[in-house]
């Protein structure tokens, strides 16, 4: 399993739990805004990134990239992780 696949799997798991979705409901090219995430969901993503991957994500990442896809987020985390 590649680093990206591991990140994608964990992020999708968190999103499915948070939004009561199935893995089949998600795809890598889906924009995050389509998931109707609230501020708590974004905070959970930031905590997950820090805890699981050692990556500090600032809220500006989401604010400045409103069309960010799930793939772009996971690629960012994968590239920054240790």
N, C-alpha and C. Protein backbone atom coordinates (compact mmCIF):
# COMPACT_ATOMS: atom_id res chain seq x y z
N UNK A 1 0.85 -1.18 0.00
CA UNK A 1 0.00 0.00 0.00
C UNK A 1 0.89 1.24 0.00
N UNK A 2 0.62 2.17 -0.91
CA UNK A 2 1.43 3.38 -0.99
C UNK A 2 1.05 4.34 0.14
N UNK A 3 1.89 5.32 0.35
CA UNK A 3 1.61 6.35 1.36
C UNK A 3 0.29 7.04 1.04
N UNK A 4 0.08 7.36 -0.24
CA UNK A 4 -1.17 8.02 -0.64
C UNK A 4 -2.37 7.14 -0.31
N UNK A 5 -2.29 5.85 -0.63
CA UNK A 5 -3.41 4.93 -0.37
C UNK A 5 -3.74 4.86 1.12
N UNK A 6 -2.70 4.84 1.94
CA UNK A 6 -2.90 4.79 3.38
C UNK A 6 -3.58 6.06 3.88
N UNK A 7 -3.12 7.21 3.40
CA UNK A 7 -3.71 8.49 3.78
C UNK A 7 -5.16 8.54 3.30
N UNK A 8 -5.38 8.18 2.06
CA UNK A 8 -6.73 8.22 1.48
C UNK A 8 -7.69 7.34 2.29
N UNK A 9 -7.23 6.16 2.64
CA UNK A 9 -8.06 5.22 3.39
C UNK A 9 -8.46 5.81 4.75
N UNK A 10 -7.49 6.39 5.46
CA UNK A 10 -7.78 6.93 6.80
C UNK A 10 -8.65 8.18 6.73
N UNK A 11 -8.41 9.02 5.75
CA UNK A 11 -9.23 10.23 5.60
C UNK A 11 -10.66 9.84 5.24
N UNK A 12 -10.82 8.90 4.32
CA UNK A 12 -12.16 8.45 3.93
C UNK A 12 -12.89 7.81 5.10
N UNK A 13 -12.16 7.03 5.88
CA UNK A 13 -12.74 6.40 7.07
C UNK A 13 -13.32 7.47 8.01
N UNK A 14 -12.52 8.52 8.25
CA UNK A 14 -12.96 9.60 9.13
C UNK A 14 -14.18 10.32 8.56
N UNK A 15 -14.16 10.59 7.26
CA UNK A 15 -15.27 11.29 6.62
C UNK A 15 -16.54 10.43 6.64
N UNK A 16 -16.39 9.15 6.42
CA UNK A 16 -17.54 8.25 6.45
C UNK A 16 -18.17 8.24 7.84
N UNK A 17 -17.33 8.19 8.87
CA UNK A 17 -17.83 8.23 10.25
C UNK A 17 -18.52 9.56 10.54
N UNK A 18 -17.89 10.65 10.13
CA UNK A 18 -18.40 11.99 10.44
C UNK A 18 -19.70 12.29 9.71
N UNK A 19 -19.82 11.81 8.49
CA UNK A 19 -20.97 12.17 7.66
C UNK A 19 -21.92 11.00 7.40
N UNK A 20 -21.71 9.90 8.09
CA UNK A 20 -22.57 8.73 7.94
C UNK A 20 -22.67 8.30 6.47
N UNK A 21 -21.50 8.15 5.86
CA UNK A 21 -21.41 7.75 4.46
C UNK A 21 -20.80 6.36 4.35
N UNK A 22 -20.91 5.79 3.18
CA UNK A 22 -20.23 4.54 2.85
C UNK A 22 -19.01 4.89 2.01
N UNK A 23 -18.00 4.03 2.02
CA UNK A 23 -16.79 4.28 1.22
C UNK A 23 -17.16 4.47 -0.26
N UNK A 24 -18.17 3.76 -0.73
CA UNK A 24 -18.59 3.87 -2.13
C UNK A 24 -19.15 5.24 -2.47
N UNK A 25 -19.54 6.01 -1.44
CA UNK A 25 -20.08 7.35 -1.66
C UNK A 25 -18.98 8.35 -2.00
N UNK A 26 -17.73 7.98 -1.73
CA UNK A 26 -16.60 8.89 -1.93
C UNK A 26 -15.81 8.50 -3.16
N UNK A 27 -15.20 9.49 -3.79
CA UNK A 27 -14.23 9.22 -4.85
C UNK A 27 -13.16 10.29 -4.78
N UNK A 28 -11.96 9.96 -5.22
CA UNK A 28 -10.82 10.88 -5.05
C UNK A 28 -11.01 12.26 -5.69
N UNK A 29 -11.79 12.33 -6.75
CA UNK A 29 -11.92 13.61 -7.46
C UNK A 29 -13.12 14.44 -6.99
N UNK A 30 -13.71 14.01 -5.89
CA UNK A 30 -14.84 14.73 -5.30
C UNK A 30 -14.32 15.96 -4.54
N UNK A 31 -14.87 17.14 -4.85
CA UNK A 31 -14.48 18.34 -4.09
C UNK A 31 -14.98 18.21 -2.64
N UNK A 32 -14.19 18.67 -1.70
CA UNK A 32 -14.56 18.57 -0.30
C UNK A 32 -15.89 19.28 -0.01
N UNK A 33 -16.13 20.41 -0.70
CA UNK A 33 -17.37 21.14 -0.43
C UNK A 33 -18.61 20.29 -0.72
N UNK A 34 -18.47 19.32 -1.61
CA UNK A 34 -19.59 18.45 -1.96
C UNK A 34 -20.02 17.57 -0.77
N UNK A 35 -19.11 17.40 0.17
CA UNK A 35 -19.41 16.58 1.35
C UNK A 35 -20.15 17.38 2.43
N UNK A 36 -20.31 18.68 2.19
CA UNK A 36 -21.01 19.55 3.14
C UNK A 36 -20.40 19.46 4.55
N UNK A 37 -19.07 19.58 4.59
CA UNK A 37 -18.36 19.53 5.85
C UNK A 37 -18.63 20.79 6.65
N UNK A 38 -18.75 20.64 7.96
CA UNK A 38 -18.88 21.82 8.81
C UNK A 38 -17.53 22.09 9.48
N UNK A 39 -17.48 23.13 10.28
CA UNK A 39 -16.20 23.52 10.88
C UNK A 39 -15.63 22.41 11.76
N UNK A 40 -16.49 21.68 12.45
CA UNK A 40 -16.01 20.59 13.29
C UNK A 40 -15.38 19.48 12.45
N UNK A 41 -15.94 19.21 11.28
CA UNK A 41 -15.38 18.19 10.38
C UNK A 41 -13.98 18.60 9.94
N UNK A 42 -13.81 19.87 9.63
CA UNK A 42 -12.49 20.35 9.21
C UNK A 42 -11.49 20.25 10.37
N UNK A 43 -11.94 20.56 11.57
CA UNK A 43 -11.07 20.43 12.74
C UNK A 43 -10.69 18.96 12.92
N UNK A 44 -11.64 18.06 12.75
CA UNK A 44 -11.34 16.63 12.86
C UNK A 44 -10.31 16.20 11.82
N UNK A 45 -10.42 16.73 10.61
CA UNK A 45 -9.43 16.43 9.57
C UNK A 45 -8.05 16.92 9.99
N UNK A 46 -8.00 18.12 10.57
CA UNK A 46 -6.73 18.69 11.01
C UNK A 46 -6.11 17.86 12.14
N UNK A 47 -6.94 17.39 13.07
CA UNK A 47 -6.47 16.56 14.18
C UNK A 47 -5.98 15.21 13.64
N UNK A 48 -6.74 14.62 12.72
CA UNK A 48 -6.34 13.36 12.11
C UNK A 48 -4.99 13.49 11.41
N UNK A 49 -4.81 14.57 10.66
CA UNK A 49 -3.56 14.81 9.94
C UNK A 49 -2.38 14.86 10.90
N UNK A 50 -2.57 15.54 12.02
CA UNK A 50 -1.49 15.68 13.02
C UNK A 50 -1.23 14.35 13.72
N UNK A 51 -2.30 13.70 14.16
CA UNK A 51 -2.16 12.47 14.94
C UNK A 51 -1.64 11.29 14.09
N UNK A 52 -2.22 11.10 12.93
CA UNK A 52 -1.89 9.94 12.10
C UNK A 52 -0.65 10.13 11.24
N UNK A 53 -0.44 11.37 10.76
CA UNK A 53 0.61 11.58 9.77
C UNK A 53 1.67 12.59 10.18
N UNK A 54 1.49 13.22 11.36
CA UNK A 54 2.47 14.20 11.83
C UNK A 54 2.48 15.47 11.00
N UNK A 55 1.36 15.77 10.35
CA UNK A 55 1.27 16.94 9.48
C UNK A 55 0.36 17.98 10.13
N UNK A 56 0.89 19.18 10.28
CA UNK A 56 0.09 20.29 10.79
C UNK A 56 -0.61 20.94 9.62
N UNK A 57 -1.92 20.97 9.67
CA UNK A 57 -2.72 21.59 8.61
C UNK A 57 -3.38 22.83 9.20
N UNK A 58 -3.13 23.95 8.55
CA UNK A 58 -3.74 25.20 8.98
C UNK A 58 -5.11 25.34 8.29
N UNK A 59 -6.03 26.01 8.95
CA UNK A 59 -7.37 26.19 8.37
C UNK A 59 -7.32 26.93 7.04
N UNK A 60 -6.29 27.75 6.84
CA UNK A 60 -6.15 28.48 5.58
C UNK A 60 -6.05 27.55 4.37
N UNK A 61 -5.55 26.35 4.58
CA UNK A 61 -5.46 25.39 3.47
C UNK A 61 -6.85 25.17 2.86
N UNK A 62 -7.85 25.03 3.72
CA UNK A 62 -9.21 24.80 3.25
C UNK A 62 -9.86 26.09 2.75
N UNK A 63 -9.59 27.19 3.45
CA UNK A 63 -10.18 28.49 3.08
C UNK A 63 -9.64 28.95 1.72
N UNK A 64 -8.33 28.76 1.51
CA UNK A 64 -7.69 29.24 0.28
C UNK A 64 -7.91 28.30 -0.90
N UNK A 65 -8.38 27.09 -0.64
CA UNK A 65 -8.56 26.09 -1.70
C UNK A 65 -9.97 25.51 -1.62
N UNK A 66 -10.96 26.35 -1.85
CA UNK A 66 -12.35 25.92 -1.64
C UNK A 66 -12.78 24.80 -2.58
N UNK A 67 -12.09 24.63 -3.69
CA UNK A 67 -12.43 23.56 -4.63
C UNK A 67 -11.53 22.33 -4.47
N UNK A 68 -10.78 22.28 -3.37
CA UNK A 68 -9.87 21.16 -3.13
C UNK A 68 -10.63 19.83 -3.18
N UNK A 69 -10.04 18.88 -3.89
CA UNK A 69 -10.65 17.55 -3.97
C UNK A 69 -10.08 16.66 -2.87
N UNK A 70 -10.73 15.56 -2.68
CA UNK A 70 -10.26 14.57 -1.71
C UNK A 70 -8.86 14.10 -2.10
N UNK A 71 -8.63 13.90 -3.40
CA UNK A 71 -7.30 13.48 -3.89
C UNK A 71 -6.24 14.53 -3.54
N UNK A 72 -6.56 15.80 -3.77
CA UNK A 72 -5.59 16.87 -3.50
C UNK A 72 -5.26 16.94 -2.01
N UNK A 73 -6.26 16.80 -1.16
CA UNK A 73 -6.02 16.81 0.27
C UNK A 73 -5.13 15.64 0.66
N UNK A 74 -5.45 14.46 0.18
CA UNK A 74 -4.68 13.26 0.55
C UNK A 74 -3.26 13.32 -0.02
N UNK A 75 -3.11 13.88 -1.22
CA UNK A 75 -1.78 14.04 -1.80
C UNK A 75 -0.95 15.02 -0.96
N UNK A 76 -1.58 16.10 -0.53
CA UNK A 76 -0.91 17.08 0.33
C UNK A 76 -0.42 16.41 1.61
N UNK A 77 -1.30 15.65 2.26
CA UNK A 77 -0.94 14.98 3.52
C UNK A 77 0.14 13.93 3.27
N UNK A 78 0.03 13.22 2.18
CA UNK A 78 1.01 12.18 1.83
C UNK A 78 2.39 12.81 1.60
N UNK A 79 2.42 13.92 0.88
CA UNK A 79 3.69 14.60 0.58
C UNK A 79 4.34 15.18 1.83
N UNK A 80 3.53 15.62 2.79
CA UNK A 80 4.05 16.28 3.99
C UNK A 80 4.36 15.31 5.13
N UNK A 81 3.82 14.10 5.05
CA UNK A 81 3.96 13.16 6.19
C UNK A 81 5.38 12.61 6.26
N UNK A 82 5.68 12.10 7.45
CA UNK A 82 7.02 11.55 7.66
C UNK A 82 7.04 10.07 7.55
